[in-house]
Amino acid sequence: MAKLYVGNLPRSATDSSLSEFVTKAGFNVASALVIKDKLTGAARGFGFVELSEGEDLQRAVAGLNGQSLEGRALTVNEARSPRTGGFSGDRDGGRRDRGDYRRDY
């Protein structure tokens, strides 16, 4: 399934309002999720929409990017997978064996 990143959402956005917005734009939605602050529960201004099987991702991006929701121009892109791993290939975090094994206490 195709997954969209939707940015610049209004603080009042909910999962259902995001799903309804994308559906009204002519796309079938499998799920919609507005990301919320863990402490306050307020929308953080972005979310993700999973399109139903068979929906054209590029057509959805082109059709939704820049559209206005509650007066805010949305930024819509293909959602990317989060990066895995914390280092860029080296197992020692970028440090090289210099022979100094200092400890910070």
PDB file of N, CA and C in Angstrom:
ATOM      1  N   MET A   1       0.832  -1.189   0.000  1.00  0.00           N
ATOM      2  CA  MET A   1       0.000   0.000   0.000  1.00  0.00           C
ATOM      3  C   MET A   1       0.873   1.247   0.000  1.00  0.00           C
ATOM      4  N   ALA A   2       0.360   2.295  -0.594  1.00  0.00           N
ATOM      5  CA  ALA A   2       1.067   3.571  -0.665  1.00  0.00           C
ATOM      6  C   ALA A   2       0.796   4.372   0.606  1.00  0.00           C
ATOM      7  N   LYS A   3       1.837   5.026   1.115  1.00  0.00           N
ATOM      8  CA  LYS A   3       1.694   5.795   2.336  1.00  0.00           C
ATOM      9  C   LYS A   3       2.170   7.221   2.101  1.00  0.00           C
ATOM     10  N   LEU A   4       1.371   8.181   2.520  1.00  0.00           N
ATOM     11  CA  LEU A   4       1.667   9.593   2.343  1.00  0.00           C
ATOM     12  C   LEU A   4       2.053  10.246   3.656  1.00  0.00           C
ATOM     13  N   TYR A   5       2.997  11.170   3.589  1.00  0.00           N
ATOM     14  CA  TYR A   5       3.295  12.080   4.696  1.00  0.00           C
ATOM     15  C   TYR A   5       2.502  13.351   4.406  1.00  0.00           C
ATOM     16  N   VAL A   6       1.790  13.850   5.404  1.00  0.00           N
ATOM     17  CA  VAL A   6       1.023  15.086   5.250  1.00  0.00           C
ATOM     18  C   VAL A   6       1.495  16.054   6.325  1.00  0.00           C
ATOM     19  N   GLY A   7       2.111  17.157   5.900  1.00  0.00           N
ATOM     20  CA  GLY A   7       2.635  18.148   6.826  1.00  0.00           C
ATOM     21  C   GLY A   7       1.851  19.446   6.787  1.00  0.00           C
ATOM     22  N   ASN A   8       2.096  20.283   7.785  1.00  0.00           N
ATOM     23  CA  ASN A   8       1.463  21.590   7.963  1.00  0.00           C
ATOM     24  C   ASN A   8      -0.027  21.458   8.273  1.00  0.00           C
ATOM     25  N   LEU A   9      -0.371  20.390   8.989  1.00  0.00           N
ATOM     26  CA  LEU A   9      -1.764  20.197   9.397  1.00  0.00           C
ATOM     27  C   LEU A   9      -2.121  21.208  10.489  1.00  0.00           C
ATOM     28  N   PRO A  10      -3.378  21.640  10.520  1.00  0.00           N
ATOM     29  CA  PRO A  10      -3.804  22.514  11.612  1.00  0.00           C
ATOM     30  C   PRO A  10      -3.808  21.745  12.930  1.00  0.00           C
ATOM     31  N   ARG A  11      -3.661  22.452  14.029  1.00  0.00           N
ATOM     32  CA  ARG A  11      -3.628  21.811  15.355  1.00  0.00           C
ATOM     33  C   ARG A  11      -4.937  21.105  15.691  1.00  0.00           C
ATOM     34  N   SER A  12      -6.005  21.492  15.022  1.00  0.00           N
ATOM     35  CA  SER A  12      -7.311  20.885  15.288  1.00  0.00           C
ATOM     36  C   SER A  12      -7.537  19.594  14.501  1.00  0.00           C
ATOM     37  N   ALA A  13      -6.568  19.202  13.672  1.00  0.00           N
ATOM     38  CA  ALA A  13      -6.733  18.010  12.833  1.00  0.00           C
ATOM     39  C   ALA A  13      -6.852  16.745  13.674  1.00  0.00           C
ATOM     40  N   THR A  14      -7.700  15.842  13.202  1.00  0.00           N
ATOM     41  CA  THR A  14      -7.868  14.536  13.840  1.00  0.00           C
ATOM     42  C   THR A  14      -7.686  13.461  12.771  1.00  0.00           C
ATOM     43  N   ASP A  15      -7.583  12.216  13.214  1.00  0.00           N
ATOM     44  CA  ASP A  15      -7.470  11.101  12.270  1.00  0.00           C
ATOM     45  C   ASP A  15      -8.649  11.115  11.295  1.00  0.00           C
ATOM     46  N   SER A  16      -9.846  11.292  11.825  1.00  0.00           N
ATOM     47  CA  SER A  16     -11.037  11.242  10.970  1.00  0.00           C
ATOM     48  C   SER A  16     -11.125  12.453  10.042  1.00  0.00           C
ATOM     49  N   SER A  17     -10.724  13.641  10.502  1.00  0.00           N
ATOM     50  CA  SER A  17     -10.795  14.809   9.615  1.00  0.00           C
ATOM     51  C   SER A  17      -9.770  14.698   8.492  1.00  0.00           C
ATOM     52  N   LEU A  18      -8.596  14.125   8.775  1.00  0.00           N
ATOM     53  CA  LEU A  18      -7.583  13.914   7.738  1.00  0.00           C
ATOM     54  C   LEU A  18      -8.074  12.885   6.725  1.00  0.00           C
ATOM     55  N   SER A  19      -8.632  11.791   7.208  1.00  0.00           N
ATOM     56  CA  SER A  19      -9.170  10.754   6.323  1.00  0.00           C
ATOM     57  C   SER A  19     -10.284  11.324   5.444  1.00  0.00           C
ATOM     58  N   GLU A  20     -11.169  12.100   6.027  1.00  0.00           N
ATOM     59  CA  GLU A  20     -12.284  12.697   5.294  1.00  0.00           C
ATOM     60  C   GLU A  20     -11.774  13.667   4.220  1.00  0.00           C
ATOM     61  N   PHE A  21     -10.759  14.455   4.546  1.00  0.00           N
ATOM     62  CA  PHE A  21     -10.188  15.407   3.590  1.00  0.00           C
ATOM     63  C   PHE A  21      -9.630  14.685   2.372  1.00  0.00           C
ATOM     64  N   VAL A  22      -8.866  13.613   2.593  1.00  0.00           N
ATOM     65  CA  VAL A  22      -8.258  12.868   1.487  1.00  0.00           C
ATOM     66  C   VAL A  22      -9.332  12.134   0.678  1.00  0.00           C
ATOM     67  N   THR A  23     -10.326  11.610   1.351  1.00  0.00           N
ATOM     68  CA  THR A  23     -11.431  10.929   0.662  1.00  0.00           C
ATOM     69  C   THR A  23     -12.203  11.905  -0.221  1.00  0.00           C
ATOM     70  N   LYS A  24     -12.480  13.113   0.290  1.00  0.00           N
ATOM     71  CA  LYS A  24     -13.202  14.118  -0.494  1.00  0.00           C
ATOM     72  C   LYS A  24     -12.394  14.567  -1.708  1.00  0.00           C
ATOM     73  N   ALA A  25     -11.063  14.427  -1.632  1.00  0.00           N
ATOM     74  CA  ALA A  25     -10.202  14.778  -2.769  1.00  0.00           C
ATOM     75  C   ALA A  25     -10.219  13.683  -3.834  1.00  0.00           C
ATOM     76  N   GLY A  26     -10.907  12.563  -3.549  1.00  0.00           N
ATOM     77  CA  GLY A  26     -11.073  11.527  -4.558  1.00  0.00           C
ATOM     78  C   GLY A  26     -10.190  10.306  -4.405  1.00  0.00           C
ATOM     79  N   PHE A  27      -9.635  10.101  -3.209  1.00  0.00           N
ATOM     80  CA  PHE A  27      -8.750   8.954  -2.989  1.00  0.00           C
ATOM     81  C   PHE A  27      -9.339   8.046  -1.920  1.00  0.00           C
ATOM     82  N   ASN A  28      -9.145   6.737  -2.097  1.00  0.00           N
ATOM     83  CA  ASN A  28      -9.618   5.763  -1.118  1.00  0.00           C
ATOM     84  C   ASN A  28      -8.572   5.609  -0.021  1.00  0.00           C
ATOM     85  N   VAL A  29      -8.998   5.773   1.206  1.00  0.00           N
ATOM     86  CA  VAL A  29      -8.106   5.758   2.356  1.00  0.00           C
ATOM     87  C   VAL A  29      -8.264   4.459   3.135  1.00  0.00           C
ATOM     88  N   ALA A  30      -7.128   3.806   3.412  1.00  0.00           N
ATOM     89  CA  ALA A  30      -7.138   2.613   4.261  1.00  0.00           C
ATOM     90  C   ALA A  30      -7.036   3.030   5.729  1.00  0.00           C
ATOM     91  N   SER A  31      -6.187   4.038   6.015  1.00  0.00           N
ATOM     92  CA  SER A  31      -6.055   4.543   7.382  1.00  0.00           C
ATOM     93  C   SER A  31      -5.436   5.928   7.358  1.00  0.00           C
ATOM     94  N   ALA A  32      -5.687   6.682   8.421  1.00  0.00           N
ATOM     95  CA  ALA A  32      -5.106   8.015   8.575  1.00  0.00           C
ATOM     96  C   ALA A  32      -4.717   8.180  10.036  1.00  0.00           C
ATOM     97  N   LEU A  33      -3.562   8.793  10.247  1.00  0.00           N
ATOM     98  CA  LEU A  33      -3.059   8.978  11.605  1.00  0.00           C
ATOM     99  C   LEU A  33      -2.435  10.361  11.735  1.00  0.00           C
ATOM    100  N   VAL A  34      -2.980  11.169  12.633  1.00  0.00           N
ATOM    101  CA  VAL A  34      -2.395  12.466  12.962  1.00  0.00           C
ATOM    102  C   VAL A  34      -1.506  12.237  14.173  1.00  0.00           C
ATOM    103  N   ILE A  35      -0.246  12.653  14.072  1.00  0.00           N
ATOM    104  CA  ILE A  35       0.707  12.449  15.161  1.00  0.00           C
ATOM    105  C   ILE A  35       0.449  13.487  16.253  1.00  0.00           C
ATOM    106  N   LYS A  36       0.377  12.993  17.487  1.00  0.00           N
ATOM    107  CA  LYS A  36       0.056  13.856  18.624  1.00  0.00           C
ATOM    108  C   LYS A  36       1.212  13.911  19.611  1.00  0.00           C
ATOM    109  N   ASP A  37       1.303  15.019  20.330  1.00  0.00           N
ATOM    110  CA  ASP A  37       2.283  15.183  21.390  1.00  0.00           C
ATOM    111  C   ASP A  37       1.939  14.218  22.521  1.00  0.00           C
ATOM    112  N   LYS A  38       2.935  13.500  23.022  1.00  0.00           N
ATOM    113  CA  LYS A  38       2.684  12.496  24.066  1.00  0.00           C
ATOM    114  C   LYS A  38       2.197  13.119  25.366  1.00  0.00           C
ATOM    115  N   LEU A  39       2.678  14.306  25.687  1.00  0.00           N
ATOM    116  CA  LEU A  39       2.311  14.929  26.956  1.00  0.00           C
ATOM    117  C   LEU A  39       0.980  15.663  26.896  1.00  0.00           C
ATOM    118  N   THR A  40       0.760  16.442  25.842  1.00  0.00           N
ATOM    119  CA  THR A  40      -0.437  17.276  25.776  1.00  0.00           C
ATOM    120  C   THR A  40      -1.574  16.654  24.986  1.00  0.00           C
ATOM    121  N   GLY A  41      -1.255  15.729  24.089  1.00  0.00           N
ATOM    122  CA  GLY A  41      -2.280  15.136  23.240  1.00  0.00           C
ATOM    123  C   GLY A  41      -2.657  16.017  22.057  1.00  0.00           C
ATOM    124  N   ALA A  42      -2.003  17.172  21.916  1.00  0.00           N
ATOM    125  CA  ALA A  42      -2.290  18.085  20.805  1.00  0.00           C
ATOM    126  C   ALA A  42      -1.625  17.576  19.531  1.00  0.00           C
ATOM    127  N   ALA A  43      -2.266  17.846  18.401  1.00  0.00           N
ATOM    128  CA  ALA A  43      -1.704  17.464  17.103  1.00  0.00           C
ATOM    129  C   ALA A  43      -0.376  18.184  16.914  1.00  0.00           C
ATOM    130  N   ARG A  44       0.611  17.465  16.376  1.00  0.00           N
ATOM    131  CA  ARG A  44       1.947  18.036  16.180  1.00  0.00           C
ATOM    132  C   ARG A  44       2.120  18.686  14.814  1.00  0.00           C
ATOM    133  N   GLY A  45       1.090  18.659  13.978  1.00  0.00           N
ATOM    134  CA  GLY A  45       1.156  19.352  12.697  1.00  0.00           C
ATOM    135  C   GLY A  45       1.495  18.466  11.508  1.00  0.00           C
ATOM    136  N   PHE A  46       1.555  17.155  11.728  1.00  0.00           N
ATOM    137  CA  PHE A  46       1.793  16.248  10.602  1.00  0.00           C
ATOM    138  C   PHE A  46       1.133  14.912  10.872  1.00  0.00           C
ATOM    139  N   GLY A  47       1.002  14.138   9.803  1.00  0.00           N
ATOM    140  CA  GLY A  47       0.379  12.833   9.942  1.00  0.00           C
ATOM    141  C   GLY A  47       0.683  11.968   8.724  1.00  0.00           C
ATOM    142  N   PHE A  48       0.067  10.803   8.700  1.00  0.00           N
ATOM    143  CA  PHE A  48       0.290   9.837   7.634  1.00  0.00           C
ATOM    144  C   PHE A  48      -1.048   9.288   7.169  1.00  0.00           C
ATOM    145  N   VAL A  49      -1.124   9.075   5.857  1.00  0.00           N
ATOM    146  CA  VAL A  49      -2.326   8.487   5.263  1.00  0.00           C
ATOM    147  C   VAL A  49      -1.894   7.287   4.445  1.00  0.00           C
ATOM    148  N   GLU A  50      -2.512   6.158   4.720  1.00  0.00           N
ATOM    149  CA  GLU A  50      -2.261   4.953   3.943  1.00  0.00           C
ATOM    150  C   GLU A  50      -3.398   4.822   2.949  1.00  0.00           C
ATOM    151  N   LEU A  51      -3.045   4.835   1.675  1.00  0.00           N
ATOM    152  CA  LEU A  51      -4.046   4.726   0.627  1.00  0.00           C
ATOM    153  C   LEU A  51      -4.437   3.273   0.406  1.00  0.00           C
ATOM    154  N   SER A  52      -5.653   3.073  -0.039  1.00  0.00           N
ATOM    155  CA  SER A  52      -6.126   1.721  -0.328  1.00  0.00           C
ATOM    156  C   SER A  52      -5.342   1.117  -1.483  1.00  0.00           C
ATOM    157  N   GLU A  53      -5.353  -0.188  -1.535  1.00  0.00           N
ATOM    158  CA  GLU A  53      -4.670  -0.930  -2.605  1.00  0.00           C
ATOM    159  C   GLU A  53      -5.140  -0.425  -3.964  1.00  0.00           C
ATOM    160  N   GLY A  54      -4.194  -0.213  -4.862  1.00  0.00           N
ATOM    161  CA  GLY A  54      -4.521   0.206  -6.210  1.00  0.00           C
ATOM    162  C   GLY A  54      -4.511   1.711  -6.435  1.00  0.00           C
ATOM    163  N   GLU A  55      -4.422   2.497  -5.380  1.00  0.00           N
ATOM    164  CA  GLU A  55      -4.362   3.949  -5.542  1.00  0.00           C
ATOM    165  C   GLU A  55      -2.984   4.349  -6.060  1.00  0.00           C
ATOM    166  N   ASP A  56      -2.950   5.350  -6.927  1.00  0.00           N
ATOM    167  CA  ASP A  56      -1.711   5.845  -7.526  1.00  0.00           C
ATOM    168  C   ASP A  56      -1.073   6.872  -6.588  1.00  0.00           C
ATOM    169  N   LEU A  57       0.074   6.519  -6.033  1.00  0.00           N
ATOM    170  CA  LEU A  57       0.757   7.374  -5.071  1.00  0.00           C
ATOM    171  C   LEU A  57       1.117   8.732  -5.669  1.00  0.00           C
ATOM    172  N   GLN A  58       1.710   8.729  -6.858  1.00  0.00           N
ATOM    173  CA  GLN A  58       2.140   9.992  -7.464  1.00  0.00           C
ATOM    174  C   GLN A  58       0.945  10.892  -7.793  1.00  0.00           C
ATOM    175  N   ARG A  59      -0.145  10.313  -8.213  1.00  0.00           N
ATOM    176  CA  ARG A  59      -1.356  11.087  -8.492  1.00  0.00           C
ATOM    177  C   ARG A  59      -1.900  11.699  -7.202  1.00  0.00           C
ATOM    178  N   ALA A  60      -1.820  10.942  -6.108  1.00  0.00           N
ATOM    179  CA  ALA A  60      -2.288  11.453  -4.818  1.00  0.00           C
ATOM    180  C   ALA A  60      -1.404  12.606  -4.335  1.00  0.00           C
ATOM    181  N   VAL A  61      -0.091  12.452  -4.461  1.00  0.00           N
ATOM    182  CA  VAL A  61       0.826  13.526  -4.057  1.00  0.00           C
ATOM    183  C   VAL A  61       0.528  14.778  -4.877  1.00  0.00           C
ATOM    184  N   ALA A  62       0.434  14.619  -6.185  1.00  0.00           N
ATOM    185  CA  ALA A  62       0.176  15.764  -7.068  1.00  0.00           C
ATOM    186  C   ALA A  62      -1.176  16.411  -6.774  1.00  0.00           C
ATOM    187  N   GLY A  63      -2.169  15.599  -6.449  1.00  0.00           N
ATOM    188  CA  GLY A  63      -3.509  16.116  -6.202  1.00  0.00           C
ATOM    189  C   GLY A  63      -3.693  16.755  -4.839  1.00  0.00           C
ATOM    190  N   LEU A  64      -2.889  16.360  -3.869  1.00  0.00           N
ATOM    191  CA  LEU A  64      -3.078  16.853  -2.504  1.00  0.00           C
ATOM    192  C   LEU A  64      -2.062  17.916  -2.080  1.00  0.00           C
ATOM    193  N   ASN A  65      -0.854  17.850  -2.621  1.00  0.00           N
ATOM    194  CA  ASN A  65       0.187  18.788  -2.207  1.00  0.00           C
ATOM    195  C   ASN A  65      -0.235  20.228  -2.531  1.00  0.00           C
ATOM    196  N   GLY A  66      -0.181  21.086  -1.531  1.00  0.00           N
ATOM    197  CA  GLY A  66      -0.558  22.484  -1.707  1.00  0.00           C
ATOM    198  C   GLY A  66      -2.026  22.772  -1.465  1.00  0.00           C
ATOM    199  N   GLN A  67      -2.850  21.723  -1.330  1.00  0.00           N
ATOM    200  CA  GLN A  67      -4.270  21.932  -1.037  1.00  0.00           C
ATOM    201  C   GLN A  67      -4.420  22.540   0.352  1.00  0.00           C
ATOM    202  N   SER A  68      -5.490  23.271   0.550  1.00  0.00           N
ATOM    203  CA  SER A  68      -5.702  23.978   1.804  1.00  0.00           C
ATOM    204  C   SER A  68      -6.653  23.212   2.718  1.00  0.00           C
ATOM    205  N   LEU A  69      -6.252  23.081   3.971  1.00  0.00           N
ATOM    206  CA  LEU A  69      -7.098  22.494   5.013  1.00  0.00           C
ATOM    207  C   LEU A  69      -7.134  23.487   6.159  1.00  0.00           C
ATOM    208  N   GLU A  70      -8.331  24.040   6.411  1.00  0.00           N
ATOM    209  CA  GLU A  70      -8.522  25.068   7.433  1.00  0.00           C
ATOM    210  C   GLU A  70      -7.546  26.233   7.249  1.00  0.00           C
ATOM    211  N   GLY A  71      -7.354  26.626   5.996  1.00  0.00           N
ATOM    212  CA  GLY A  71      -6.515  27.775   5.695  1.00  0.00           C
ATOM    213  C   GLY A  71      -5.019  27.503   5.672  1.00  0.00           C
ATOM    214  N   ARG A  72      -4.622  26.257   5.810  1.00  0.00           N
ATOM    215  CA  ARG A  72      -3.193  25.907   5.798  1.00  0.00           C
ATOM    216  C   ARG A  72      -2.878  25.082   4.564  1.00  0.00           C
ATOM    217  N   ALA A  73      -1.859  25.508   3.812  1.00  0.00           N
ATOM    218  CA  ALA A  73      -1.431  24.779   2.615  1.00  0.00           C
ATOM    219  C   ALA A  73      -0.660  23.539   3.046  1.00  0.00           C
ATOM    220  N   LEU A  74      -1.143  22.378   2.674  1.00  0.00           N
ATOM    221  CA  LEU A  74      -0.540  21.121   3.099  1.00  0.00           C
ATOM    222  C   LEU A  74       0.690  20.780   2.273  1.00  0.00           C
ATOM    223  N   THR A  75       1.632  20.123   2.921  1.00  0.00           N
ATOM    224  CA  THR A  75       2.799  19.562   2.257  1.00  0.00           C
ATOM    225  C   THR A  75       2.589  18.061   2.218  1.00  0.00           C
ATOM    226  N   VAL A  76       2.521  17.496   1.022  1.00  0.00           N
ATOM    227  CA  VAL A  76       2.253  16.064   0.879  1.00  0.00           C
ATOM    228  C   VAL A  76       3.364  15.428   0.053  1.00  0.00           C
ATOM    229  N   ASN A  77       3.949  14.378   0.614  1.00  0.00           N
ATOM    230  CA  ASN A  77       5.014  13.619  -0.042  1.00  0.00           C
ATOM    231  C   ASN A  77       4.804  12.139   0.216  1.00  0.00           C
ATOM    232  N   GLU A  78       5.573  11.326  -0.498  1.00  0.00           N
ATOM    233  CA  GLU A  78       5.594   9.904  -0.191  1.00  0.00           C
ATOM    234  C   GLU A  78       6.256   9.728   1.169  1.00  0.00           C
ATOM    235  N   ALA A  79       5.647   8.949   2.043  1.00  0.00           N
ATOM    236  CA  ALA A  79       6.232   8.683   3.359  1.00  0.00           C
ATOM    237  C   ALA A  79       7.445   7.796   3.187  1.00  0.00           C
ATOM    238  N   ARG A  80       8.508   8.123   3.895  1.00  0.00           N
ATOM    239  CA  ARG A  80       9.739   7.332   3.832  1.00  0.00           C
ATOM    240  C   ARG A  80       9.882   6.533   5.105  1.00  0.00           C
ATOM    241  N   SER A  81      10.512   5.390   4.997  1.00  0.00           N
ATOM    242  CA  SER A  81      10.771   4.561   6.175  1.00  0.00           C
ATOM    243  C   SER A  81      11.780   5.257   7.065  1.00  0.00           C
ATOM    244  N   PRO A  82      11.625   5.116   8.388  1.00  0.00           N
ATOM    245  CA  PRO A  82      12.623   5.703   9.277  1.00  0.00           C
ATOM    246  C   PRO A  82      13.968   5.028   9.085  1.00  0.00           C
ATOM    247  N   ARG A  83      15.011   5.773   9.326  1.00  0.00           N
ATOM    248  CA  ARG A  83      16.354   5.203   9.196  1.00  0.00           C
ATOM    249  C   ARG A  83      16.578   4.155  10.271  1.00  0.00           C
ATOM    250  N   THR A  84      17.348   3.156   9.920  1.00  0.00           N
ATOM    251  CA  THR A  84      17.678   2.130  10.900  1.00  0.00           C
ATOM    252  C   THR A  84      19.141   2.244  11.250  1.00  0.00           C
ATOM    253  N   GLY A  85      19.470   1.877  12.449  1.00  0.00           N
ATOM    254  CA  GLY A  85      20.865   1.933  12.891  1.00  0.00           C
ATOM    255  C   GLY A  85      21.249   3.346  13.278  1.00  0.00           C
ATOM    256  N   GLY A  86      22.255   3.457  14.118  1.00  0.00           N
ATOM    257  CA  GLY A  86      22.653   4.758  14.594  1.00  0.00           C
ATOM    258  C   GLY A  86      23.972   5.230  14.044  1.00  0.00           C
ATOM    259  N   PHE A  87      24.651   4.397  13.299  1.00  0.00           N
ATOM    260  CA  PHE A  87      25.967   4.764  12.818  1.00  0.00           C
ATOM    261  C   PHE A  87      26.026   4.659  11.308  1.00  0.00           C
ATOM    262  N   SER A  88      26.994   5.312  10.733  1.00  0.00           N
ATOM    263  CA  SER A  88      27.128   5.293   9.281  1.00  0.00           C
ATOM    264  C   SER A  88      28.123   4.225   8.853  1.00  0.00           C
ATOM    265  N   GLY A  89      27.871   3.018   9.260  1.00  0.00           N
ATOM    266  CA  GLY A  89      28.696   1.928   8.795  1.00  0.00           C
ATOM    267  C   GLY A  89      29.792   1.507   9.752  1.00  0.00           C
ATOM    268  N   ASP A  90      30.249   2.401  10.634  1.00  0.00           N
ATOM    269  CA  ASP A  90      31.311   1.979  11.543  1.00  0.00           C
ATOM    270  C   ASP A  90      30.716   1.588  12.885  1.00  0.00           C
ATOM    271  N   ARG A  91      31.179   0.515  13.396  1.00  0.00           N
ATOM    272  CA  ARG A  91      30.609  -0.058  14.603  1.00  0.00           C
ATOM    273  C   ARG A  91      31.014   0.684  15.857  1.00  0.00           C
ATOM    274  N   ASP A  92      32.038   1.510  15.770  1.00  0.00           N
ATOM    275  CA  ASP A  92      32.498   2.213  16.968  1.00  0.00           C
ATOM    276  C   ASP A  92      31.990   3.651  17.029  1.00  0.00           C
ATOM    277  N   GLY A  93      30.980   3.972  16.250  1.00  0.00           N
ATOM    278  CA  GLY A  93      30.372   5.288  16.312  1.00  0.00           C
ATOM    279  C   GLY A  93      31.249   6.390  15.761  1.00  0.00           C
ATOM    280  N   GLY A  94      32.145   6.077  14.855  1.00  0.00           N
ATOM    281  CA  GLY A  94      32.992   7.086  14.246  1.00  0.00           C
ATOM    282  C   GLY A  94      34.337   7.235  14.920  1.00  0.00           C
ATOM    283  N   ARG A  95      34.507   6.618  16.078  1.00  0.00           N
ATOM    284  CA  ARG A  95      35.799   6.686  16.767  1.00  0.00           C
ATOM    285  C   ARG A  95      36.748   5.682  16.137  1.00  0.00           C
ATOM    286  N   ARG A  96      37.970   5.982  16.120  1.00  0.00           N
ATOM    287  CA  ARG A  96      38.985   5.057  15.625  1.00  0.00           C
ATOM    288  C   ARG A  96      39.852   4.626  16.787  1.00  0.00           C
ATOM    289  N   ASP A  97      40.443   3.479  16.667  1.00  0.00           N
ATOM    290  CA  ASP A  97      41.298   2.969  17.730  1.00  0.00           C
ATOM    291  C   ASP A  97      42.540   3.845  17.841  1.00  0.00           C
ATOM    292  N   ARG A  98      42.528   4.709  18.860  1.00  0.00           N
ATOM    293  CA  ARG A  98      43.651   5.607  19.080  1.00  0.00           C
ATOM    294  C   ARG A  98      44.472   5.167  20.285  1.00  0.00           C
ATOM    295  N   GLY A  99      44.023   4.096  20.890  1.00  0.00           N
ATOM    296  CA  GLY A  99      44.745   3.611  22.054  1.00  0.00           C
ATOM    297  C   GLY A  99      44.377   4.333  23.343  1.00  0.00           C
ATOM    298  N   ASP A 100      43.491   5.307  23.259  1.00  0.00           N
ATOM    299  CA  ASP A 100      43.114   6.009  24.481  1.00  0.00           C
ATOM    300  C   ASP A 100      41.692   5.596  24.864  1.00  0.00           C
ATOM    301  N   TYR A 101      41.592   4.884  25.928  1.00  0.00           N
ATOM    302  CA  TYR A 101      40.308   4.391  26.377  1.00  0.00           C
ATOM    303  C   TYR A 101      39.878   5.167  27.620  1.00  0.00           C
ATOM    304  N   ARG A 102      39.688   6.468  27.421  1.00  0.00           N
ATOM    305  CA  ARG A 102      39.289   7.320  28.532  1.00  0.00           C
ATOM    306  C   ARG A 102      37.860   7.030  28.918  1.00  0.00           C
ATOM    307  N   ARG A 103      37.601   7.201  30.182  1.00  0.00           N
ATOM    308  CA  ARG A 103      36.243   7.022  30.673  1.00  0.00           C
ATOM    309  C   ARG A 103      35.766   8.355  31.221  1.00  0.00           C
ATOM    310  N   ASP A 104      34.547   8.651  30.980  1.00  0.00           N
ATOM    311  CA  ASP A 104      33.954   9.856  31.547  1.00  0.00           C
ATOM    312  C   ASP A 104      33.096   9.438  32.730  1.00  0.00           C
ATOM    313  N   TYR A 105      33.529   9.874  33.926  1.00  0.00           N
ATOM    314  CA  TYR A 105      32.775   9.537  35.138  1.00  0.00           C
ATOM    315  C   TYR A 105      31.990  10.726  35.614  1.00  0.00           C
TER     316      TYR A 105
END
